[in-house]
Protein backbone atom coordinates (compact mmCIF):
# COMPACT_ATOMS: atom_id res chain seq x y z
CA MET A 1 80.60 27.74 33.33
CA PRO A 2 82.99 29.51 35.90
CA GLN A 3 82.06 31.72 38.47
CA LEU A 4 82.84 34.96 39.53
CA PHE A 5 81.52 35.86 42.57
CA ARG A 6 80.31 33.34 45.32
CA ASP A 7 76.98 35.10 45.30
CA GLU A 8 74.70 37.73 44.69
CA GLN A 9 75.59 40.32 47.65
CA GLU A 10 79.42 39.68 45.91
CA ALA A 11 78.15 41.10 42.43
CA ASP A 12 75.59 43.64 43.72
CA ARG A 13 78.72 45.00 45.55
CA VAL A 14 81.20 45.37 42.57
CA GLN A 15 78.39 46.33 40.45
CA LEU A 16 77.66 49.55 42.69
CA VAL A 17 81.32 50.62 42.44
CA VAL A 18 80.91 50.28 38.49
CA ASP A 19 78.12 52.40 38.66
CA ALA A 20 79.63 54.78 40.63
CA LEU A 21 82.71 55.04 38.30
CA LEU A 22 80.70 55.18 35.38
CA ARG A 23 78.98 58.42 36.70
CA VAL A 24 82.23 60.22 37.05
CA LEU A 25 83.56 58.59 33.54
CA ASN A 26 80.44 59.77 31.75
CA ASP A 27 80.85 63.18 33.59
CA LEU A 28 84.43 63.41 32.55
CA GLY A 29 85.54 61.04 29.28
CA PRO A 30 87.93 58.56 29.04
CA THR A 31 90.62 61.16 28.30
CA ALA A 32 90.84 63.49 31.73
CA PRO A 33 93.92 63.78 33.34
CA ASP A 34 93.74 61.82 36.65
CA HIS A 35 93.33 64.64 38.68
CA ALA A 36 89.98 65.24 37.14
CA TYR A 37 88.72 62.12 38.26
CA LEU A 38 90.41 62.61 41.69
CA ASP A 39 88.82 65.64 41.88
CA HIS A 40 85.34 65.22 40.86
CA PRO A 41 82.49 65.23 43.78
CA ALA A 42 81.07 61.60 42.77
CA TRP A 43 84.71 60.32 43.44
CA ILE A 44 84.30 59.75 46.88
CA SER A 45 80.85 57.47 45.99
CA VAL A 46 83.30 55.92 43.95
CA LEU A 47 86.07 55.38 47.45
CA HIS A 48 82.85 53.97 49.72
CA ALA A 49 81.41 51.62 47.09
CA ALA A 50 84.79 49.87 46.37
CA ASN A 51 85.23 50.11 50.27
CA ALA A 52 82.30 48.26 50.57
CA ALA A 53 83.01 45.69 47.98
CA LEU A 54 85.90 44.78 49.09
CA GLN A 55 84.60 43.94 52.83
CA VAL A 56 81.94 41.19 51.06
CA LEU A 57 84.78 40.24 48.86
CA SER A 58 87.44 39.31 51.39
CA SER A 59 85.04 38.08 54.34
CA ASP A 60 85.89 34.13 54.13
CA LYS A 61 82.28 32.61 53.90
CA GLU A 62 83.36 29.50 52.70
CA ASN A 63 86.96 29.02 53.09
CA SER A 64 87.24 29.64 49.29
C-alpha cells in the first residue's frame, strides 16, 4: 500500500490544514465568492496551518 506521508508529523500537519479549511467552508459554504473566503476571519488559520505543513513536508528528513 503506498504511503502518502513520510511520518505521522506530516499527516498531522496536513490534517490541521484540512480542519482549518473546513471551518471556513462550513461557515461560508462551497459557493461563496473567492473574496469571502480570503476575508473570513479564520482564513489566517488556514494560512498558518498551510505554512507549518509546508515546512514539515519540504524538510529533507530522509533524502527522499
